[in-house]
PDB file of N, CA and C in Angstrom:
ATOM      1  N   MET A   1      -9.164  -9.555  13.477  1.00  0.00           N
ATOM      2  CA  MET A   1      -8.756  -9.724  11.812  1.00  0.00           C
ATOM      3  C   MET A   1      -9.255  -8.230  11.259  1.00  0.00           C
ATOM      4  N   ALA A   2      -8.252  -7.363  11.131  1.00  0.00           N
ATOM      5  CA  ALA A   2      -7.997  -5.535  11.044  1.00  0.00           C
ATOM      6  C   ALA A   2      -9.139  -6.037   9.624  1.00  0.00           C
ATOM      7  N   PRO A   3      -9.974  -4.956   9.540  1.00  0.00           N
ATOM      8  CA  PRO A   3     -11.175  -4.548   8.028  1.00  0.00           C
ATOM      9  C   PRO A   3     -10.163  -4.182   7.206  1.00  0.00           C
ATOM     10  N   THR A   4     -11.097  -4.802   5.327  1.00  0.00           N
ATOM     11  CA  THR A   4     -10.235  -4.559   4.478  1.00  0.00           C
ATOM     12  C   THR A   4     -10.249  -3.324   4.062  1.00  0.00           C
ATOM     13  N   LYS A   5      -9.248  -2.666   3.627  1.00  0.00           N
ATOM     14  CA  LYS A   5      -8.680  -1.617   3.224  1.00  0.00           C
ATOM     15  C   LYS A   5      -8.877  -1.242   1.850  1.00  0.00           C
ATOM     16  N   ILE A   6      -9.738  -0.552   1.431  1.00  0.00           N
ATOM     17  CA  ILE A   6      -8.907   0.720  -0.332  1.00  0.00           C
ATOM     18  C   ILE A   6      -9.261   1.003   0.040  1.00  0.00           C
ATOM     19  N   THR A   7      -8.072   2.417  -0.672  1.00  0.00           N
ATOM     20  CA  THR A   7      -7.400   3.309  -0.892  1.00  0.00           C
ATOM     21  C   THR A   7      -7.228   3.891  -2.553  1.00  0.00           C
ATOM     22  N   VAL A   8      -8.423   4.990  -3.029  1.00  0.00           N
ATOM     23  CA  VAL A   8      -8.317   5.776  -3.310  1.00  0.00           C
ATOM     24  C   VAL A   8      -6.903   6.352  -3.595  1.00  0.00           C
ATOM     25  N   ARG A   9      -6.009   5.796  -4.882  1.00  0.00           N
ATOM     26  CA  ARG A   9      -4.964   6.949  -5.438  1.00  0.00           C
ATOM     27  C   ARG A   9      -5.454   7.293  -6.606  1.00  0.00           C
ATOM     28  N   ASN A  10      -4.379   8.855  -5.634  1.00  0.00           N
ATOM     29  CA  ASN A  10      -4.468   9.545  -6.808  1.00  0.00           C
ATOM     30  C   ASN A  10      -3.657   9.443  -8.041  1.00  0.00           C
ATOM     31  N   ASP A  11      -4.915   9.422  -9.475  1.00  0.00           N
ATOM     32  CA  ASP A  11      -3.893   8.982 -10.646  1.00  0.00           C
ATOM     33  C   ASP A  11      -3.950   7.333 -10.933  1.00  0.00           C
ATOM     34  N   GLY A  12      -4.120   6.912  -9.926  1.00  0.00           N
ATOM     35  CA  GLY A  12      -4.383   5.581 -10.406  1.00  0.00           C
ATOM     36  C   GLY A  12      -5.789   4.365 -10.327  1.00  0.00           C
ATOM     37  N   PRO A  13      -5.368   3.252  -9.717  1.00  0.00           N
ATOM     38  CA  PRO A  13      -6.620   2.797  -9.173  1.00  0.00           C
ATOM     39  C   PRO A  13      -7.297   2.551  -7.658  1.00  0.00           C
ATOM     40  N   LEU A  14      -8.114   1.780  -7.755  1.00  0.00           N
ATOM     41  CA  LEU A  14      -8.459   1.489  -6.350  1.00  0.00           C
ATOM     42  C   LEU A  14      -7.452   0.235  -5.566  1.00  0.00           C
ATOM     43  N   ARG A  15      -6.688   0.490  -4.860  1.00  0.00           N
ATOM     44  CA  ARG A  15      -6.386  -0.449  -3.678  1.00  0.00           C
ATOM     45  C   ARG A  15      -6.943  -1.294  -2.761  1.00  0.00           C
ATOM     46  N   ILE A  16      -7.089  -2.815  -3.258  1.00  0.00           N
ATOM     47  CA  ILE A  16      -8.013  -3.144  -2.231  1.00  0.00           C
ATOM     48  C   ILE A  16      -7.304  -4.532  -1.121  1.00  0.00           C
ATOM     49  N   GLU A  17      -7.286  -4.542  -0.025  1.00  0.00           N
ATOM     50  CA  GLU A  17      -5.753  -4.140   0.657  1.00  0.00           C
ATOM     51  C   GLU A  17      -6.810  -5.590   1.500  1.00  0.00           C
ATOM     52  N   GLY A  18      -6.864  -6.344   2.539  1.00  0.00           N
ATOM     53  CA  GLY A  18      -7.705  -7.578   3.086  1.00  0.00           C
ATOM     54  C   GLY A  18      -8.250  -8.067   2.509  1.00  0.00           C
ATOM     55  N   GLU A  19      -9.055  -9.777   3.467  1.00  0.00           N
ATOM     56  CA  GLU A  19      -9.745 -10.507   3.042  1.00  0.00           C
ATOM     57  C   GLU A  19     -11.745 -10.267   2.604  1.00  0.00           C
ATOM     58  N   VAL A  20     -10.889 -10.061   1.638  1.00  0.00           N
ATOM     59  CA  VAL A  20     -12.642  -9.953   0.622  1.00  0.00           C
ATOM     60  C   VAL A  20     -13.097 -11.047  -1.007  1.00  0.00           C
ATOM     61  N   GLU A  21     -14.489 -10.803  -0.999  1.00  0.00           N
ATOM     62  CA  GLU A  21     -14.804 -11.367  -2.288  1.00  0.00           C
ATOM     63  C   GLU A  21     -15.431 -10.627  -2.958  1.00  0.00           C
ATOM     64  N   LEU A  22     -14.143 -10.782  -4.489  1.00  0.00           N
ATOM     65  CA  LEU A  22     -14.698 -10.012  -5.135  1.00  0.00           C
ATOM     66  C   LEU A  22     -15.838 -11.048  -6.540  1.00  0.00           C
ATOM     67  N   VAL A  23     -17.147 -10.276  -7.114  1.00  0.00           N
ATOM     68  CA  VAL A  23     -18.172 -11.387  -7.732  1.00  0.00           C
ATOM     69  C   VAL A  23     -18.482 -10.555  -8.640  1.00  0.00           C
ATOM     70  N   ASP A  24     -19.118 -10.836 -10.085  1.00  0.00           N
ATOM     71  CA  ASP A  24     -19.771 -10.488 -10.371  1.00  0.00           C
ATOM     72  C   ASP A  24     -21.258 -10.406 -11.157  1.00  0.00           C
ATOM     73  N   MET A  25     -21.748  -9.720 -12.150  1.00  0.00           N
ATOM     74  CA  MET A  25     -23.333  -9.389 -11.607  1.00  0.00           C
ATOM     75  C   MET A  25     -23.982 -10.767 -11.450  1.00  0.00           C
ATOM     76  N   GLU A  26     -23.478 -11.411 -12.297  1.00  0.00           N
ATOM     77  CA  GLU A  26     -23.888 -12.984 -12.014  1.00  0.00           C
ATOM     78  C   GLU A  26     -23.660 -14.028 -10.279  1.00  0.00           C
ATOM     79  N   GLY A  27     -22.773 -12.880  -9.519  1.00  0.00           N
ATOM     80  CA  GLY A  27     -23.039 -14.132  -7.973  1.00  0.00           C
ATOM     81  C   GLY A  27     -21.420 -14.469  -7.819  1.00  0.00           C
ATOM     82  N   ARG A  28     -20.926 -14.857  -9.272  1.00  0.00           N
ATOM     83  CA  ARG A  28     -19.309 -15.796  -9.500  1.00  0.00           C
ATOM     84  C   ARG A  28     -18.559 -14.458  -8.796  1.00  0.00           C
ATOM     85  N   SER A  29     -18.091 -15.766  -8.358  1.00  0.00           N
ATOM     86  CA  SER A  29     -16.457 -14.691  -7.585  1.00  0.00           C
ATOM     87  C   SER A  29     -15.772 -15.347  -8.424  1.00  0.00           C
ATOM     88  N   PHE A  30     -14.792 -14.157  -8.669  1.00  0.00           N
ATOM     89  CA  PHE A  30     -13.397 -14.283  -9.486  1.00  0.00           C
ATOM     90  C   PHE A  30     -12.255 -14.636  -8.673  1.00  0.00           C
ATOM     91  N   GLY A  31     -11.277 -15.517  -9.119  1.00  0.00           N
ATOM     92  CA  GLY A  31     -10.302 -16.277  -8.905  1.00  0.00           C
ATOM     93  C   GLY A  31      -9.113 -15.485  -8.627  1.00  0.00           C
ATOM     94  N   LEU A  32      -9.236 -14.357  -7.132  1.00  0.00           N
ATOM     95  CA  LEU A  32      -7.373 -13.732  -6.826  1.00  0.00           C
ATOM     96  C   LEU A  32      -6.665 -14.421  -6.775  1.00  0.00           C
ATOM     97  N   GLY A  33      -6.544 -15.927  -6.931  1.00  0.00           N
ATOM     98  CA  GLY A  33      -5.223 -16.506  -6.527  1.00  0.00           C
ATOM     99  C   GLY A  33      -4.758 -16.571  -5.274  1.00  0.00           C
ATOM    100  N   GLY A  34      -5.327 -16.487  -3.939  1.00  0.00           N
ATOM    101  CA  GLY A  34      -4.576 -16.346  -2.683  1.00  0.00           C
ATOM    102  C   GLY A  34      -4.412 -14.680  -2.507  1.00  0.00           C
ATOM    103  N   ARG A  35      -4.001 -13.664  -3.558  1.00  0.00           N
ATOM    104  CA  ARG A  35      -4.334 -12.851  -2.990  1.00  0.00           C
ATOM    105  C   ARG A  35      -4.822 -11.594  -2.374  1.00  0.00           C
ATOM    106  N   THR A  36      -4.573 -11.274  -1.333  1.00  0.00           N
ATOM    107  CA  THR A  36      -4.811 -10.896  -0.396  1.00  0.00           C
ATOM    108  C   THR A  36      -5.054  -8.330  -0.579  1.00  0.00           C
ATOM    109  N   ALA A  37      -3.684  -8.119  -1.528  1.00  0.00           N
ATOM    110  CA  ALA A  37      -4.063  -7.385  -2.167  1.00  0.00           C
ATOM    111  C   ALA A  37      -4.111  -7.449  -3.522  1.00  0.00           C
ATOM    112  N   PHE A  38      -4.584  -6.033  -4.331  1.00  0.00           N
ATOM    113  CA  PHE A  38      -4.693  -6.278  -5.945  1.00  0.00           C
ATOM    114  C   PHE A  38      -5.367  -4.415  -6.198  1.00  0.00           C
ATOM    115  N   GLY A  39      -5.326  -4.008  -7.287  1.00  0.00           N
ATOM    116  CA  GLY A  39      -6.093  -3.181  -7.665  1.00  0.00           C
ATOM    117  C   GLY A  39      -6.872  -3.516  -8.565  1.00  0.00           C
ATOM    118  N   LEU A  40      -8.153  -2.139  -8.923  1.00  0.00           N
ATOM    119  CA  LEU A  40      -9.714  -2.180  -9.455  1.00  0.00           C
ATOM    120  C   LEU A  40      -8.923  -1.423 -10.229  1.00  0.00           C
ATOM    121  N   CYS A  41      -9.536  -1.102 -11.525  1.00  0.00           N
ATOM    122  CA  CYS A  41      -9.685   0.025 -12.076  1.00  0.00           C
ATOM    123  C   CYS A  41     -10.124   0.766 -12.131  1.00  0.00           C
ATOM    124  N   ARG A  42      -9.466   2.274 -12.296  1.00  0.00           N
ATOM    125  CA  ARG A  42     -10.605   3.467 -12.562  1.00  0.00           C
ATOM    126  C   ARG A  42     -11.094   4.191 -13.984  1.00  0.00           C
ATOM    127  N   CYS A  43      -9.541   3.514 -13.722  1.00  0.00           N
ATOM    128  CA  CYS A  43      -9.091   5.028 -15.771  1.00  0.00           C
ATOM    129  C   CYS A  43      -9.869   4.382 -16.959  1.00  0.00           C
ATOM    130  N   GLY A  44     -10.925   2.723 -16.585  1.00  0.00           N
ATOM    131  CA  GLY A  44     -11.121   2.459 -18.204  1.00  0.00           C
ATOM    132  C   GLY A  44     -10.584   1.729 -18.809  1.00  0.00           C
ATOM    133  N   HIS A  45      -9.003   2.260 -18.919  1.00  0.00           N
ATOM    134  CA  HIS A  45      -8.509   1.704 -20.167  1.00  0.00           C
ATOM    135  C   HIS A  45      -7.798   0.551 -19.571  1.00  0.00           C
ATOM    136  N   SER A  46      -8.249  -0.648 -18.665  1.00  0.00           N
ATOM    137  CA  SER A  46      -7.342  -1.716 -18.445  1.00  0.00           C
ATOM    138  C   SER A  46      -7.679  -2.715 -19.677  1.00  0.00           C
ATOM    139  N   ALA A  47      -7.008  -3.478 -19.810  1.00  0.00           N
ATOM    140  CA  ALA A  47      -6.280  -4.749 -20.999  1.00  0.00           C
ATOM    141  C   ALA A  47      -6.852  -5.655 -19.858  1.00  0.00           C
ATOM    142  N   ASN A  48      -7.277  -5.222 -18.938  1.00  0.00           N
ATOM    143  CA  ASN A  48      -7.704  -6.714 -17.279  1.00  0.00           C
ATOM    144  C   ASN A  48      -8.659  -6.555 -17.103  1.00  0.00           C
ATOM    145  N   LYS A  49      -9.102  -5.438 -17.455  1.00  0.00           N
ATOM    146  CA  LYS A  49     -10.879  -5.238 -15.885  1.00  0.00           C
ATOM    147  C   LYS A  49     -11.183  -6.136 -15.691  1.00  0.00           C
ATOM    148  N   PRO A  50     -12.019  -6.352 -14.474  1.00  0.00           N
ATOM    149  CA  PRO A  50     -12.045  -4.995 -13.476  1.00  0.00           C
ATOM    150  C   PRO A  50     -10.172  -4.838 -13.056  1.00  0.00           C
ATOM    151  N   PHE A  51      -9.699  -5.437 -12.851  1.00  0.00           N
ATOM    152  CA  PHE A  51      -7.719  -5.638 -11.919  1.00  0.00           C
ATOM    153  C   PHE A  51      -7.646  -4.566 -13.437  1.00  0.00           C
ATOM    154  N   CYS A  52      -6.396  -3.391 -12.355  1.00  0.00           N
ATOM    155  CA  CYS A  52      -5.412  -2.434 -12.831  1.00  0.00           C
ATOM    156  C   CYS A  52      -4.435  -3.192 -13.359  1.00  0.00           C
ATOM    157  N   ASP A  53      -3.868  -2.375 -14.773  1.00  0.00           N
ATOM    158  CA  ASP A  53      -2.829  -3.240 -15.301  1.00  0.00           C
ATOM    159  C   ASP A  53      -1.932  -2.166 -15.697  1.00  0.00           C
ATOM    160  N   GLY A  54      -1.778  -1.544 -14.968  1.00  0.00           N
ATOM    161  CA  GLY A  54      -0.783   0.210 -15.260  1.00  0.00           C
ATOM    162  C   GLY A  54      -1.719   1.155 -16.195  1.00  0.00           C
ATOM    163  N   ALA A  55      -2.176   0.620 -17.312  1.00  0.00           N
ATOM    164  CA  ALA A  55      -2.858   1.544 -18.809  1.00  0.00           C
ATOM    165  C   ALA A  55      -2.782   3.397 -17.889  1.00  0.00           C
ATOM    166  N   HIS A  56      -3.309   3.163 -17.078  1.00  0.00           N
ATOM    167  CA  HIS A  56      -3.833   4.760 -16.249  1.00  0.00           C
ATOM    168  C   HIS A  56      -2.436   5.426 -16.904  1.00  0.00           C
ATOM    169  N   LYS A  57      -1.143   4.578 -16.332  1.00  0.00           N
ATOM    170  CA  LYS A  57       0.015   5.542 -16.652  1.00  0.00           C
ATOM    171  C   LYS A  57       0.055   5.997 -18.185  1.00  0.00           C
ATOM    172  N   THR A  58      -0.071   5.227 -18.801  1.00  0.00           N
ATOM    173  CA  THR A  58       0.350   5.814 -20.430  1.00  0.00           C
ATOM    174  C   THR A  58      -0.778   6.557 -21.384  1.00  0.00           C
ATOM    175  N   ALA A  59      -2.178   6.184 -20.263  1.00  0.00           N
ATOM    176  CA  ALA A  59      -3.828   6.730 -21.133  1.00  0.00           C
ATOM    177  C   ALA A  59      -3.861   7.929 -20.551  1.00  0.00           C
ATOM    178  N   GLY A  60      -2.790   8.504 -19.568  1.00  0.00           N
ATOM    179  CA  GLY A  60      -2.699   9.740 -18.902  1.00  0.00           C
ATOM    180  C   GLY A  60      -3.601  10.529 -17.959  1.00  0.00           C
ATOM    181  N   PHE A  61      -4.537   8.670 -17.255  1.00  0.00           N
ATOM    182  CA  PHE A  61      -5.527   9.472 -16.055  1.00  0.00           C
ATOM    183  C   PHE A  61      -5.385  10.251 -15.381  1.00  0.00           C
ATOM    184  N   GLN A  62      -5.984  11.376 -15.304  1.00  0.00           N
ATOM    185  CA  GLN A  62      -5.756  12.583 -13.602  1.00  0.00           C
ATOM    186  C   GLN A  62      -6.741  12.413 -12.718  1.00  0.00           C
ATOM    187  N   ASP A  63      -6.700  12.254 -11.733  1.00  0.00           N
ATOM    188  CA  ASP A  63      -7.973  12.031 -10.647  1.00  0.00           C
ATOM    189  C   ASP A  63      -7.307  12.040  -9.267  1.00  0.00           C
ATOM    190  N   LYS A  64      -7.974  13.289  -8.823  1.00  0.00           N
ATOM    191  CA  LYS A  64      -7.120  13.491  -7.115  1.00  0.00           C
ATOM    192  C   LYS A  64      -7.992  13.733  -6.698  1.00  0.00           C
ATOM    193  N   GLN A  65      -8.574  12.381  -5.063  1.00  0.00           N
ATOM    194  CA  GLN A  65      -9.104  12.665  -4.007  1.00  0.00           C
ATOM    195  C   GLN A  65      -9.158  12.874  -3.424  1.00  0.00           C
ATOM    196  N   GLU A  66      -9.803  13.452  -2.197  1.00  0.00           N
ATOM    197  CA  GLU A  66      -9.133  13.425  -0.160  1.00  0.00           C
ATOM    198  C   GLU A  66     -10.601  12.804  -0.162  1.00  0.00           C
ATOM    199  N   ALA A  67     -10.536  11.974   1.167  1.00  0.00           N
ATOM    200  CA  ALA A  67     -11.579  12.212   2.103  1.00  0.00           C
ATOM    201  C   ALA A  67     -12.053  13.322   2.152  1.00  0.00           C
ATOM    202  N   ARG A  68     -14.053  12.953   2.859  1.00  0.00           N
ATOM    203  CA  ARG A  68     -14.898  13.490   2.903  1.00  0.00           C
ATOM    204  C   ARG A  68     -15.858  13.030   3.331  1.00  0.00           C
ATOM    205  N   GLU A  69     -16.970  13.642   3.778  1.00  0.00           N
ATOM    206  CA  GLU A  69     -18.610  12.774   4.571  1.00  0.00           C
ATOM    207  C   GLU A  69     -19.378  12.892   3.058  1.00  0.00           C
ATOM    208  N   LEU A  70     -19.835  12.067   3.078  1.00  0.00           N
ATOM    209  CA  LEU A  70     -21.181  11.758   2.236  1.00  0.00           C
ATOM    210  C   LEU A  70     -22.130  12.343   2.856  1.00  0.00           C
ATOM    211  N   PRO A  71     -22.955  13.127   2.957  1.00  0.00           N
ATOM    212  CA  PRO A  71     -24.374  13.367   3.294  1.00  0.00           C
ATOM    213  C   PRO A  71     -25.219  12.180   3.836  1.00  0.00           C
ATOM    214  N   PRO A  72     -25.544  11.955   4.551  1.00  0.00           N
ATOM    215  CA  PRO A  72     -26.507  10.288   5.179  1.00  0.00           C
ATOM    216  C   PRO A  72     -27.748  10.567   3.849  1.00  0.00           C
ATOM    217  N   PRO A  73     -28.293   9.577   3.754  1.00  0.00           N
ATOM    218  CA  PRO A  73     -28.682   8.448   2.905  1.00  0.00           C
ATOM    219  C   PRO A  73     -30.451   8.873   2.935  1.00  0.00           C
ATOM    220  N   LYS A  74     -30.745   9.583   2.090  1.00  0.00           N
ATOM    221  CA  LYS A  74     -32.225   9.906   1.846  1.00  0.00           C
ATOM    222  C   LYS A  74     -33.084   9.016   2.471  1.00  0.00           C
ATOM    223  N   VAL A  75     -34.073   9.198   3.105  1.00  0.00           N
ATOM    224  CA  VAL A  75     -35.314   7.738   3.945  1.00  0.00           C
ATOM    225  C   VAL A  75     -36.674   7.306   3.237  1.00  0.00           C
TER     226      VAL A  75
END
């Protein structure tokens, strides 16, 4: 099985593809209705948080990201 893929979309959501469990702070699972691909809001304007509803387009959300290396964790 391929690993779950998370794509940071320019000016848009985080696109999640693959088998994943999404839970709230209490550990309760969100019902994904069998979906294996969905978007998570990054702009804060979605009426259906944590899911993307396309509100970033009308809100004018802009954020471009390029892959980079994180520094090692501090021990």
